[in-house]
C-alpha cells in the first residue's frame, strides 16, 4: 500500500527569519495552515513576508508572497 504524500509549511518574516509551522502533514492540513498564515494578524501587521508548502522531496508546491499573493502555482 502506498503512503500518502506529506507536506511541510514554513512562514518567513520580513526580518529574514523563518519557522516551520507544520511538518509532514496531509495536504488538507497543509493548505489550511497556509490559508491561516497568509491571512492572520502577522500578515496585516506586515511581519510575514512569505509562506511556502514543500512536499516530501523538499520541492516547493505552494508559495505566497506579501503584496503579491499566491505566486506558485500560477
N, C-alpha and C. Protein backbone atom coordinates (compact mmCIF):
# COMPACT_ATOMS: atom_id res chain seq x y z
N UNK A 1 0.84 -1.19 0.00
CA UNK A 1 0.00 0.00 0.00
C UNK A 1 0.88 1.24 0.00
N UNK A 2 0.55 2.21 -0.83
CA UNK A 2 1.31 3.44 -0.95
C UNK A 2 0.95 4.41 0.17
N UNK A 3 1.97 5.00 0.75
CA UNK A 3 1.76 6.01 1.78
C UNK A 3 1.34 7.33 1.13
N UNK A 4 0.43 8.10 1.74
CA UNK A 4 0.04 9.39 1.17
C UNK A 4 1.20 10.39 1.26
N UNK A 5 1.24 11.29 0.30
CA UNK A 5 2.25 12.35 0.30
C UNK A 5 2.05 13.23 1.53
N UNK A 6 3.14 13.64 2.15
CA UNK A 6 3.09 14.54 3.31
C UNK A 6 3.81 15.83 2.98
N UNK A 7 3.38 16.90 3.63
CA UNK A 7 3.84 18.25 3.30
C UNK A 7 4.27 19.00 4.56
N UNK A 8 5.12 20.00 4.36
CA UNK A 8 5.54 20.87 5.45
C UNK A 8 5.24 22.32 5.06
N UNK A 9 4.97 23.16 6.07
CA UNK A 9 4.61 24.55 5.84
C UNK A 9 5.58 25.44 6.60
N UNK A 10 6.06 26.47 5.93
CA UNK A 10 7.01 27.42 6.52
C UNK A 10 6.49 28.83 6.35
N UNK A 11 6.74 29.67 7.36
CA UNK A 11 6.47 31.09 7.19
C UNK A 11 7.78 31.84 7.37
N UNK A 12 7.98 32.83 6.52
CA UNK A 12 9.19 33.65 6.51
C UNK A 12 8.80 35.06 6.94
N UNK A 13 9.65 35.67 7.73
CA UNK A 13 9.38 37.00 8.26
C UNK A 13 10.20 38.06 7.53
N UNK A 14 9.76 39.29 7.63
CA UNK A 14 10.44 40.39 6.95
C UNK A 14 11.85 40.62 7.49
N UNK A 15 12.15 40.12 8.69
CA UNK A 15 13.50 40.30 9.26
C UNK A 15 14.47 39.20 8.81
N UNK A 16 14.03 38.31 7.92
CA UNK A 16 14.88 37.26 7.39
C UNK A 16 14.78 35.93 8.11
N UNK A 17 14.14 35.89 9.25
CA UNK A 17 13.97 34.64 9.98
C UNK A 17 12.78 33.86 9.41
N UNK A 18 12.72 32.59 9.74
CA UNK A 18 11.58 31.76 9.32
C UNK A 18 11.34 30.69 10.36
N UNK A 19 10.16 30.08 10.24
CA UNK A 19 9.84 28.95 11.12
C UNK A 19 9.01 27.93 10.36
N UNK A 20 9.21 26.67 10.73
CA UNK A 20 8.39 25.60 10.19
C UNK A 20 7.15 25.52 11.09
N UNK A 21 5.97 25.71 10.49
CA UNK A 21 4.74 25.72 11.29
C UNK A 21 3.96 24.42 11.21
N UNK A 22 4.25 23.58 10.22
CA UNK A 22 3.71 22.24 10.12
C UNK A 22 4.79 21.35 9.51
N UNK A 23 4.82 20.10 9.97
CA UNK A 23 5.82 19.16 9.46
C UNK A 23 5.17 17.82 9.16
N UNK A 24 5.34 17.37 7.91
CA UNK A 24 4.88 16.05 7.49
C UNK A 24 3.40 15.82 7.78
N UNK A 25 2.57 16.69 7.21
CA UNK A 25 1.12 16.61 7.40
C UNK A 25 0.44 16.34 6.05
N UNK A 26 -0.78 15.83 6.06
CA UNK A 26 -1.53 15.63 4.81
C UNK A 26 -1.80 16.97 4.11
N UNK A 27 -2.09 16.89 2.82
CA UNK A 27 -2.28 18.10 2.01
C UNK A 27 -3.39 19.00 2.55
N UNK A 28 -4.49 18.45 3.04
CA UNK A 28 -5.57 19.31 3.54
C UNK A 28 -5.13 20.11 4.76
N UNK A 29 -4.37 19.51 5.65
CA UNK A 29 -3.87 20.24 6.81
C UNK A 29 -2.84 21.29 6.41
N UNK A 30 -2.01 20.97 5.43
CA UNK A 30 -1.02 21.95 4.94
C UNK A 30 -1.71 23.15 4.32
N UNK A 31 -2.74 22.91 3.52
CA UNK A 31 -3.46 24.03 2.89
C UNK A 31 -4.20 24.88 3.92
N UNK A 32 -4.80 24.25 4.93
CA UNK A 32 -5.46 25.02 5.99
C UNK A 32 -4.45 25.89 6.73
N UNK A 33 -3.28 25.33 7.00
CA UNK A 33 -2.23 26.11 7.68
C UNK A 33 -1.78 27.27 6.80
N UNK A 34 -1.56 27.01 5.52
CA UNK A 34 -1.14 28.09 4.61
C UNK A 34 -2.19 29.19 4.55
N UNK A 35 -3.45 28.81 4.51
CA UNK A 35 -4.52 29.81 4.49
C UNK A 35 -4.47 30.65 5.77
N UNK A 36 -4.27 30.00 6.90
CA UNK A 36 -4.18 30.72 8.17
C UNK A 36 -2.99 31.68 8.17
N UNK A 37 -1.82 31.20 7.77
CA UNK A 37 -0.60 32.01 7.86
C UNK A 37 -0.50 33.08 6.77
N UNK A 38 -1.42 33.07 5.81
CA UNK A 38 -1.45 34.14 4.81
C UNK A 38 -2.59 35.12 5.07
N UNK A 39 -3.34 34.90 6.14
CA UNK A 39 -4.50 35.75 6.46
C UNK A 39 -4.61 36.04 7.94
N UNK A 40 -3.50 36.18 8.63
CA UNK A 40 -3.57 36.38 10.07
C UNK A 40 -3.08 37.78 10.47
N UNK A 41 -2.99 38.02 11.75
CA UNK A 41 -2.59 39.33 12.27
C UNK A 41 -1.17 39.68 11.83
N UNK A 42 -0.27 38.72 11.81
CA UNK A 42 1.12 39.00 11.41
C UNK A 42 1.19 39.51 9.97
N UNK A 43 0.34 39.00 9.11
CA UNK A 43 0.29 39.49 7.72
C UNK A 43 -0.22 40.92 7.70
N UNK A 44 -1.29 41.18 8.43
CA UNK A 44 -1.85 42.53 8.45
C UNK A 44 -0.90 43.54 9.07
N UNK A 45 -0.04 43.10 9.98
CA UNK A 45 0.95 43.99 10.60
C UNK A 45 2.22 44.11 9.75
N UNK A 46 2.32 43.34 8.68
CA UNK A 46 3.48 43.40 7.81
C UNK A 46 4.67 42.60 8.29
N UNK A 47 4.45 41.65 9.18
CA UNK A 47 5.54 40.85 9.75
C UNK A 47 5.87 39.64 8.87
N UNK A 48 4.85 39.00 8.31
CA UNK A 48 5.05 37.82 7.47
C UNK A 48 5.30 38.26 6.03
N UNK A 49 6.39 37.75 5.44
CA UNK A 49 6.76 38.11 4.08
C UNK A 49 6.44 37.02 3.06
N UNK A 50 6.43 35.77 3.52
CA UNK A 50 6.30 34.66 2.57
C UNK A 50 5.84 33.42 3.31
N UNK A 51 5.04 32.59 2.66
CA UNK A 51 4.60 31.29 3.18
C UNK A 51 4.76 30.28 2.05
N UNK A 52 5.36 29.12 2.38
CA UNK A 52 5.50 28.07 1.37
C UNK A 52 5.05 26.73 1.93
N UNK A 53 4.66 25.85 1.02
CA UNK A 53 4.42 24.45 1.33
C UNK A 53 5.42 23.65 0.51
N UNK A 54 6.09 22.69 1.17
CA UNK A 54 7.02 21.81 0.47
C UNK A 54 6.51 20.38 0.55
N UNK A 55 6.87 19.60 -0.48
CA UNK A 55 6.49 18.18 -0.47
C UNK A 55 7.58 17.36 0.20
N UNK A 56 7.42 16.06 0.20
CA UNK A 56 8.38 15.19 0.90
C UNK A 56 9.76 15.20 0.24
N UNK A 57 9.86 15.65 -1.00
CA UNK A 57 11.15 15.79 -1.68
C UNK A 57 11.75 17.17 -1.50
N UNK A 58 11.14 18.01 -0.67
CA UNK A 58 11.56 19.38 -0.38
C UNK A 58 11.39 20.33 -1.56
N UNK A 59 10.51 19.99 -2.48
CA UNK A 59 10.17 20.90 -3.58
C UNK A 59 9.04 21.80 -3.14
N UNK A 60 9.08 23.06 -3.52
CA UNK A 60 8.01 24.00 -3.20
C UNK A 60 6.82 23.72 -4.11
N UNK A 61 5.66 23.49 -3.49
CA UNK A 61 4.44 23.22 -4.26
C UNK A 61 3.40 24.32 -4.10
N UNK A 62 3.68 25.29 -3.21
CA UNK A 62 2.80 26.44 -2.99
C UNK A 62 3.67 27.56 -2.45
N UNK A 63 3.45 28.78 -2.96
CA UNK A 63 4.18 29.94 -2.44
C UNK A 63 3.28 31.16 -2.46
N UNK A 64 3.27 31.87 -1.35
CA UNK A 64 2.56 33.13 -1.19
C UNK A 64 3.59 34.17 -0.78
N UNK A 65 3.49 35.38 -1.38
CA UNK A 65 4.40 36.48 -1.02
C UNK A 65 3.59 37.72 -0.66
N UNK A 66 4.08 38.42 0.34
CA UNK A 66 3.48 39.68 0.76
C UNK A 66 3.37 40.62 -0.44
N UNK A 67 2.25 41.28 -0.57
CA UNK A 67 1.96 42.25 -1.63
C UNK A 67 1.83 41.63 -3.02
N UNK A 68 2.02 40.30 -3.14
CA UNK A 68 1.87 39.65 -4.44
C UNK A 68 0.77 38.58 -4.43
N UNK A 69 0.53 38.00 -3.26
CA UNK A 69 -0.44 36.92 -3.17
C UNK A 69 0.20 35.60 -3.56
N UNK A 70 -0.62 34.67 -4.05
CA UNK A 70 -0.12 33.35 -4.45
C UNK A 70 0.67 33.51 -5.75
N UNK A 71 1.94 33.11 -5.71
CA UNK A 71 2.79 33.20 -6.89
C UNK A 71 3.12 31.83 -7.48
N UNK A 72 2.87 30.76 -6.71
CA UNK A 72 3.08 29.41 -7.21
C UNK A 72 2.07 28.47 -6.55
N UNK A 73 1.33 27.69 -7.22
CA UNK A 73 1.27 27.64 -8.67
C UNK A 73 0.49 28.84 -9.23
N UNK A 74 0.72 29.14 -10.45
CA UNK A 74 0.06 30.29 -11.09
C UNK A 74 -1.36 29.94 -11.45
